[in-house]
Protein backbone atom coordinates (compact mmCIF):
# COMPACT_ATOMS: atom_id res chain seq x y z
CA MET A 1 0.00 0.00 0.00
CA ARG A 2 1.33 3.39 -1.01
CA THR A 3 1.07 6.33 1.37
CA PRO A 4 -1.37 9.15 0.53
CA GLN A 5 1.62 11.29 -0.54
CA GLN A 6 2.90 8.52 -2.85
CA ILE A 7 -0.56 8.05 -4.38
CA LEU A 8 -0.77 11.76 -5.20
CA ALA A 9 2.80 11.93 -6.47
CA ASP A 10 2.15 8.98 -8.79
CA ALA A 11 -1.25 10.16 -10.05
CA ALA A 12 -1.73 12.38 -13.10
CA VAL A 13 -5.44 11.83 -13.79
CA ILE A 14 -7.98 12.05 -10.95
CA ALA A 15 -11.64 11.10 -11.46
CA VAL A 16 -13.75 13.04 -8.95
CA VAL A 17 -17.03 11.29 -8.14
CA GLY A 18 -19.49 13.81 -6.78
CA ALA A 19 -17.71 16.86 -8.20
CA SER A 20 -19.95 19.86 -7.52
CA ARG A 21 -21.03 22.88 -9.56
CA ASP A 22 -21.42 24.85 -6.31
CA PRO A 23 -18.24 26.92 -5.78
CA SER A 24 -18.89 27.10 -2.02
CA LYS A 25 -18.56 23.31 -1.59
CA PRO A 26 -15.32 21.38 -1.05
CA ALA A 27 -16.43 19.06 -3.89
CA HIS A 28 -15.81 22.08 -6.16
CA THR A 29 -12.88 23.86 -4.51
CA VAL A 30 -10.71 20.78 -3.88
CA PRO A 31 -10.74 19.46 -7.48
CA LEU A 32 -10.23 22.99 -8.78
CA GLN A 33 -7.17 23.43 -6.56
CA MET A 34 -5.76 20.08 -7.67
CA GLN A 35 -6.28 21.14 -11.29
CA ARG A 36 -4.42 24.41 -10.65
CA TYR A 37 -1.46 22.40 -9.38
CA GLY A 38 -1.33 20.34 -12.55
CA TRP A 39 -3.50 17.27 -12.04
CA ARG A 40 -6.00 16.43 -14.77
CA ILE A 41 -9.45 16.36 -13.17
CA VAL A 42 -12.17 14.18 -14.69
CA PRO A 43 -15.49 15.14 -13.06
CA VAL A 44 -18.17 12.50 -12.47
CA ASN A 45 -21.63 13.93 -11.79
CA PRO A 46 -24.96 12.89 -13.35
CA GLN A 47 -26.32 16.47 -13.18
CA ALA A 48 -23.63 18.45 -15.01
CA ASP A 49 -22.15 18.60 -18.51
CA GLU A 50 -18.95 20.56 -17.87
CA LEU A 51 -16.95 21.39 -14.75
CA PHE A 52 -13.46 22.90 -14.40
CA GLY A 53 -13.35 23.20 -18.20
CA GLU A 54 -13.63 19.41 -18.52
CA LYS A 55 -16.37 17.14 -19.88
CA VAL A 56 -18.40 15.59 -17.05
CA TYR A 57 -19.13 11.87 -17.12
CA ARG A 58 -22.22 10.28 -15.61
CA SER A 59 -20.28 7.35 -14.15
CA LEU A 60 -16.74 6.01 -13.86
CA ALA A 61 -17.57 3.38 -16.50
CA GLU A 62 -18.19 6.13 -19.09
CA ILE A 63 -14.66 7.59 -18.81
CA PRO A 64 -12.93 6.52 -22.05
CA HIS A 65 -9.36 6.55 -20.70
CA PRO A 66 -7.50 5.24 -17.64
CA VAL A 67 -7.55 7.17 -14.37
CA ASP A 68 -4.84 7.01 -11.70
CA LEU A 69 -7.03 7.85 -8.73
CA VAL A 70 -10.75 7.93 -7.94
CA ASP A 71 -11.55 10.69 -5.45
CA VAL A 72 -14.93 10.35 -3.72
CA PHE A 73 -17.14 13.24 -2.58
CA ARG A 74 -20.22 11.10 -1.85
CA PRO A 75 -21.81 9.93 1.41
CA ALA A 76 -20.20 6.88 3.04
CA GLU A 77 -23.16 4.68 2.07
CA ASP A 78 -22.43 5.44 -1.62
CA ALA A 79 -18.70 4.72 -1.26
CA VAL A 80 -19.16 0.95 -1.51
CA GLN A 81 -20.65 1.17 -5.00
CA VAL A 82 -18.08 3.76 -6.09
CA VAL A 83 -15.22 1.50 -4.96
CA ARG A 84 -16.77 -1.43 -6.85
CA GLU A 85 -16.91 0.77 -9.97
CA ALA A 86 -13.31 1.93 -9.43
CA VAL A 87 -12.18 -1.71 -9.24
CA ALA A 88 -14.18 -2.51 -12.40
CA ILE A 89 -12.41 0.21 -14.43
CA GLY A 90 -8.98 -0.81 -13.15
CA ALA A 91 -8.25 2.30 -11.07
CA PRO A 92 -5.13 1.67 -8.95
CA ALA A 93 -6.31 3.83 -6.01
CA VAL A 94 -9.43 5.20 -4.30
CA TRP A 95 -9.53 8.19 -1.97
CA LEU A 96 -12.51 9.02 0.26
CA GLN A 97 -12.52 12.68 1.21
CA LEU A 98 -12.52 14.11 4.73
CA GLY A 99 -15.38 12.78 6.85
CA ILE A 100 -16.07 9.76 4.61
CA VAL A 101 -15.34 6.36 6.15
CA SER A 102 -16.54 2.91 5.03
CA ALA A 103 -15.29 -0.42 6.37
CA GLU A 104 -17.03 -2.23 3.50
CA ALA A 105 -15.46 0.03 0.85
CA ARG A 106 -12.06 -0.54 2.47
CA ARG A 107 -12.58 -4.31 2.39
CA ILE A 108 -13.50 -4.24 -1.32
CA ALA A 109 -10.43 -2.15 -2.17
CA GLU A 110 -8.10 -4.34 -0.12
CA GLU A 111 -9.48 -7.54 -1.69
CA ALA A 112 -8.94 -6.01 -5.13
CA GLY A 113 -5.38 -5.01 -4.20
CA ILE A 114 -5.84 -1.30 -4.81
CA ASP A 115 -4.63 1.56 -2.64
CA TYR A 116 -7.28 3.03 -0.35
CA VAL A 117 -7.37 6.26 1.64
CA GLU A 118 -10.32 7.50 3.68
CA ASP A 119 -11.20 10.52 5.80
CA ARG A 120 -8.44 12.69 4.30
CA CYS A 121 -8.48 15.71 2.01
CA LEU A 122 -6.57 15.64 -1.28
CA ALA A 123 -5.83 19.36 -1.11
CA VAL A 124 -4.53 19.17 2.48
CA GLU A 125 -2.26 16.23 1.60
CA ARG A 126 -1.06 18.03 -1.54
CA ALA A 127 -0.20 21.14 0.46
CA ALA A 128 1.41 19.19 3.32
CA GLY A 129 3.69 17.41 0.86
CA GLY A 130 4.35 20.49 -1.25
CA LEU A 131 3.24 18.45 -4.26
CA SER A 132 2.67 19.83 -7.73
CA ARG A 133 2.49 18.34 -11.21
CA ARG A 134 3.52 21.65 -12.76
CA GLY A 135 7.07 21.79 -14.06
């Protein structure tokens, strides 16, 4: 299992499940900040067409290219299904944002052999590690 810092350092493309159109929500500000630091953000939200200048997909299965990390901004009860979908598309890592914890989602990820982080913020970890994908 890689550390959260290693997962971020290795990732280039982050699918954000539950990305929000509302600029006052962390599900909007966190992906936007990650994008500003050089990560490619692929928003997943069934109610939007474009976010952060990127096409929005309705589900992880619709994304036509590989992703390095699935970031989850959904309630804990939804995390189990999101992790199953992340495993199905071959994502190497899943990250549940701050306040989201699921023993069942963790079990699914561990059984699939993918990295799993929960109850941590991507943007906080990025800042703490001084990470950037910009040259």
